[in-house]
Amino acid sequence: MTPHEQFLSRRQRYQPIVLPPDVSEEDLARDWTLSDDDRAELSKYRKSFRLAMAIQLCAVRVYGRFFTPIHDISPRIANYLGSQLRLPPTLRVQVPEREATYLGSRPQPCENLR
């Protein structure tokens, strides 16, 4: 891959995404509007996680990477996306979590194989 083909520099990849405190209507429409195909794809997820997935989908399109921590997203953006997904207004985004991620990555020995 040539330097011109790289999407983000190493520095850009590891800098946190900083959203403006006041998001304009124009910014919402440009950066946070879901297409019909997006809504169809997001409908495959559990209703409680659709908003988190929509935020990440839009973040990847706009910034080229995932938005973390997702809890820092503006309620205005969250509710703009939520309204497109026909979700009730919210102040907190529910994030899917995997129990295995927090338990550690070492595999546990299987007693039956000895």
Foldseek 3Di string as FASTA:
>chain_A
DDPVPDDDDPVLVPDADDDDPDQDPVNCVVQQDDDPVLLVVLVVDDPLQSLVVSQQVSCCVPRVGGHPPPQPDQLVSSVSNCVVNVHDRDNGRDHDDDPCVVVDDDDDDDPVVD
